Amino acid sequence: MEDNVFSEKIKELRESTGLNRKEFCEKYEIPYRTMTEWELGHRNAPPYVLRLLAYYVEMQAKLGEKDLDSRREVDGDE
């Protein structure tokens, strides 16, 4: 994936959540500097990272914004 395509898509994904960069990073446990570098096009992650993150965001939306980490607590996986 080209640098500018990745940076556009990762920014679109974040904006689709309605979160600013700091909130998005905290919620999805992504280092702020990493996210900034991705959005500015200075660094890229492998394409599967974008797909996995998009899937995770989508599943959280479908679950009514429940925190998926709460399932780990119920299952005993901490």
N, C-alpha and C. Protein backbone atom coordinates (compact mmCIF):
# COMPACT_ATOMS: atom_id res chain seq x y z
N MET A 1 0.85 -1.18 0.00
CA MET A 1 0.00 0.00 0.00
C MET A 1 0.90 1.24 0.00
N GLU A 2 0.57 2.19 -0.83
CA GLU A 2 1.37 3.40 -0.93
C GLU A 2 1.23 4.23 0.35
N ASP A 3 2.27 5.03 0.61
CA ASP A 3 2.31 5.84 1.82
C ASP A 3 1.08 6.73 1.97
N ASN A 4 0.75 7.46 0.92
CA ASN A 4 -0.36 8.41 1.03
C ASN A 4 -1.71 7.69 1.17
N VAL A 5 -1.84 6.51 0.58
CA VAL A 5 -3.09 5.76 0.70
C VAL A 5 -3.27 5.28 2.13
N PHE A 6 -2.22 4.73 2.72
CA PHE A 6 -2.30 4.26 4.10
C PHE A 6 -2.63 5.41 5.03
N SER A 7 -1.94 6.54 4.90
CA SER A 7 -2.17 7.66 5.80
C SER A 7 -3.60 8.20 5.67
N GLU A 8 -4.12 8.24 4.46
CA GLU A 8 -5.50 8.69 4.25
C GLU A 8 -6.49 7.74 4.90
N LYS A 9 -6.27 6.45 4.70
CA LYS A 9 -7.21 5.45 5.21
C LYS A 9 -7.19 5.38 6.73
N ILE A 10 -6.02 5.48 7.33
CA ILE A 10 -5.95 5.40 8.80
C ILE A 10 -6.59 6.65 9.41
N LYS A 11 -6.41 7.79 8.77
CA LYS A 11 -7.03 9.02 9.26
C LYS A 11 -8.55 8.95 9.09
N GLU A 12 -9.01 8.45 7.96
CA GLU A 12 -10.45 8.28 7.73
C GLU A 12 -11.06 7.35 8.78
N LEU A 13 -10.35 6.28 9.08
CA LEU A 13 -10.85 5.33 10.08
C LEU A 13 -10.98 6.02 11.44
N ARG A 14 -9.95 6.75 11.83
CA ARG A 14 -10.01 7.45 13.12
C ARG A 14 -11.15 8.46 13.14
N GLU A 15 -11.26 9.24 12.08
CA GLU A 15 -12.30 10.26 12.02
C GLU A 15 -13.70 9.64 12.02
N SER A 16 -13.83 8.44 11.48
CA SER A 16 -15.14 7.77 11.46
C SER A 16 -15.62 7.43 12.86
N THR A 17 -14.69 7.35 13.81
CA THR A 17 -15.06 7.04 15.19
C THR A 17 -15.51 8.28 15.95
N GLY A 18 -15.20 9.45 15.40
CA GLY A 18 -15.54 10.70 16.09
C GLY A 18 -14.55 11.05 17.20
N LEU A 19 -13.46 10.32 17.27
CA LEU A 19 -12.46 10.56 18.30
C LEU A 19 -11.31 11.39 17.74
N ASN A 20 -10.73 12.21 18.59
CA ASN A 20 -9.52 12.89 18.15
C ASN A 20 -8.35 11.90 18.25
N ARG A 21 -7.20 12.31 17.81
CA ARG A 21 -6.07 11.38 17.77
C ARG A 21 -5.72 10.84 19.15
N LYS A 22 -5.70 11.71 20.15
CA LYS A 22 -5.33 11.27 21.50
C LYS A 22 -6.33 10.26 22.04
N GLU A 23 -7.62 10.54 21.88
CA GLU A 23 -8.67 9.63 22.36
C GLU A 23 -8.59 8.29 21.64
N PHE A 24 -8.39 8.33 20.33
CA PHE A 24 -8.30 7.11 19.54
C PHE A 24 -7.13 6.26 20.02
N CYS A 25 -6.00 6.90 20.22
CA CYS A 25 -4.81 6.17 20.67
C CYS A 25 -5.02 5.54 22.03
N GLU A 26 -5.66 6.27 22.93
CA GLU A 26 -5.92 5.71 24.26
C GLU A 26 -6.89 4.54 24.19
N LYS A 27 -7.96 4.69 23.41
CA LYS A 27 -8.97 3.65 23.32
C LYS A 27 -8.42 2.37 22.69
N TYR A 28 -7.61 2.51 21.65
CA TYR A 28 -7.12 1.34 20.92
C TYR A 28 -5.67 0.99 21.24
N GLU A 29 -5.15 1.63 22.28
CA GLU A 29 -3.81 1.33 22.79
C GLU A 29 -2.73 1.40 21.71
N ILE A 30 -2.76 2.49 20.96
CA ILE A 30 -1.76 2.75 19.93
C ILE A 30 -0.91 3.92 20.43
N PRO A 31 0.39 3.82 20.39
CA PRO A 31 1.20 4.97 20.81
C PRO A 31 0.85 6.21 19.96
N TYR A 32 0.71 7.34 20.64
CA TYR A 32 0.33 8.58 19.98
C TYR A 32 1.30 8.95 18.86
N ARG A 33 2.57 8.80 19.12
CA ARG A 33 3.56 9.15 18.11
C ARG A 33 3.44 8.25 16.88
N THR A 34 3.16 6.98 17.09
CA THR A 34 2.98 6.05 15.97
C THR A 34 1.80 6.49 15.11
N MET A 35 0.68 6.80 15.76
CA MET A 35 -0.50 7.23 15.02
C MET A 35 -0.23 8.52 14.25
N THR A 36 0.47 9.44 14.88
CA THR A 36 0.82 10.70 14.22
C THR A 36 1.67 10.44 12.99
N GLU A 37 2.67 9.59 13.13
CA GLU A 37 3.54 9.26 12.00
C GLU A 37 2.76 8.59 10.87
N TRP A 38 1.81 7.72 11.22
CA TRP A 38 0.97 7.08 10.21
C TRP A 38 0.13 8.10 9.47
N GLU A 39 -0.53 8.98 10.23
CA GLU A 39 -1.41 9.96 9.60
C GLU A 39 -0.66 10.97 8.75
N LEU A 40 0.55 11.29 9.13
CA LEU A 40 1.35 12.24 8.36
C LEU A 40 2.04 11.58 7.17
N GLY A 41 1.98 10.27 7.10
CA GLY A 41 2.59 9.55 6.00
C GLY A 41 4.09 9.34 6.14
N HIS A 42 4.60 9.53 7.35
CA HIS A 42 6.03 9.34 7.59
C HIS A 42 6.39 7.88 7.82
N ARG A 43 5.40 7.11 8.28
CA ARG A 43 5.59 5.68 8.52
C ARG A 43 4.34 4.95 8.11
N ASN A 44 4.49 3.68 7.79
CA ASN A 44 3.36 2.82 7.45
C ASN A 44 3.44 1.55 8.28
N ALA A 45 2.28 0.99 8.51
CA ALA A 45 2.20 -0.34 9.10
C ALA A 45 1.86 -1.29 7.96
N PRO A 46 2.05 -2.58 8.17
CA PRO A 46 1.61 -3.53 7.14
C PRO A 46 0.11 -3.39 6.91
N PRO A 47 -0.35 -3.65 5.71
CA PRO A 47 -1.78 -3.50 5.39
C PRO A 47 -2.71 -4.26 6.33
N TYR A 48 -2.26 -5.41 6.85
CA TYR A 48 -3.15 -6.18 7.74
C TYR A 48 -3.45 -5.42 9.03
N VAL A 49 -2.57 -4.52 9.46
CA VAL A 49 -2.82 -3.75 10.67
C VAL A 49 -4.03 -2.84 10.47
N LEU A 50 -4.10 -2.21 9.32
CA LEU A 50 -5.25 -1.36 9.01
C LEU A 50 -6.53 -2.19 8.95
N ARG A 51 -6.46 -3.35 8.33
CA ARG A 51 -7.65 -4.22 8.24
C ARG A 51 -8.11 -4.67 9.63
N LEU A 52 -7.17 -5.08 10.48
CA LEU A 52 -7.52 -5.53 11.83
C LEU A 52 -8.10 -4.39 12.66
N LEU A 53 -7.51 -3.23 12.55
CA LEU A 53 -8.00 -2.08 13.30
C LEU A 53 -9.39 -1.68 12.82
N ALA A 54 -9.61 -1.70 11.51
CA ALA A 54 -10.94 -1.39 10.95
C ALA A 54 -11.97 -2.40 11.44
N TYR A 55 -11.59 -3.66 11.49
CA TYR A 55 -12.49 -4.71 11.97
C TYR A 55 -12.83 -4.48 13.44
N TYR A 56 -11.83 -4.17 14.24
CA TYR A 56 -12.02 -3.94 15.67
C TYR A 56 -12.96 -2.75 15.90
N VAL A 57 -12.75 -1.66 15.17
CA VAL A 57 -13.60 -0.48 15.28
C VAL A 57 -15.04 -0.84 14.89
N GLU A 58 -15.19 -1.59 13.81
CA GLU A 58 -16.52 -1.99 13.34
C GLU A 58 -17.23 -2.87 14.37
N MET A 59 -16.52 -3.81 14.95
CA MET A 59 -17.13 -4.70 15.94
C MET A 59 -17.54 -3.93 17.18
N GLN A 60 -16.75 -2.99 17.60
CA GLN A 60 -17.14 -2.18 18.75
C GLN A 60 -18.40 -1.40 18.46
N ALA A 61 -18.52 -0.87 17.26
CA ALA A 61 -19.72 -0.13 16.87
C ALA A 61 -20.94 -1.05 16.88
N LYS A 62 -20.78 -2.26 16.38
CA LYS A 62 -21.89 -3.22 16.35
C LYS A 62 -22.30 -3.68 17.74
N LEU A 63 -21.36 -3.70 18.64
CA LEU A 63 -21.66 -4.13 20.00
C LEU A 63 -22.15 -2.97 20.86
N GLY A 64 -22.45 -1.85 20.23
CA GLY A 64 -22.97 -0.71 20.97
C GLY A 64 -21.92 -0.02 21.80
N GLU A 65 -20.71 0.06 21.26
CA GLU A 65 -19.60 0.73 21.92
C GLU A 65 -19.18 0.07 23.23
N LYS A 66 -19.58 -1.18 23.42
CA LYS A 66 -19.07 -1.90 24.59
C LYS A 66 -17.57 -2.06 24.41
N ASP A 67 -16.88 -2.02 25.48
CA ASP A 67 -15.43 -2.21 25.43
C ASP A 67 -15.16 -3.70 25.29
N LEU A 68 -14.50 -4.08 24.20
CA LEU A 68 -14.22 -5.50 23.97
C LEU A 68 -13.34 -6.08 25.07
N ASP A 69 -12.60 -5.23 25.77
CA ASP A 69 -11.78 -5.73 26.86
C ASP A 69 -12.62 -6.29 27.99
N SER A 70 -13.87 -5.85 28.12
CA SER A 70 -14.73 -6.36 29.18
C SER A 70 -15.01 -7.84 28.98
N ARG A 71 -14.98 -8.30 27.74
CA ARG A 71 -15.18 -9.73 27.48
C ARG A 71 -14.03 -10.54 28.05
N ARG A 72 -12.83 -9.99 28.01
CA ARG A 72 -11.68 -10.69 28.56
C ARG A 72 -11.84 -10.88 30.06
N GLU A 73 -12.37 -9.85 30.73
CA GLU A 73 -12.56 -9.94 32.18
C GLU A 73 -13.58 -11.02 32.51
N VAL A 74 -14.64 -11.14 31.71
CA VAL A 74 -15.67 -12.15 31.93
C VAL A 74 -15.09 -13.53 31.69
N ASP A 75 -14.26 -13.67 30.65
CA ASP A 75 -13.67 -14.95 30.32
C ASP A 75 -12.51 -15.32 31.23
N GLY A 76 -12.04 -14.34 32.02
CA GLY A 76 -10.93 -14.61 32.92
C GLY A 76 -9.56 -14.43 32.30
N ASP A 77 -9.50 -13.86 31.10
CA ASP A 77 -8.22 -13.62 30.42
C ASP A 77 -7.79 -12.19 30.70
N GLU A 78 -6.99 -11.98 31.69
CA GLU A 78 -6.55 -10.62 32.00
C GLU A 78 -5.10 -10.44 31.69
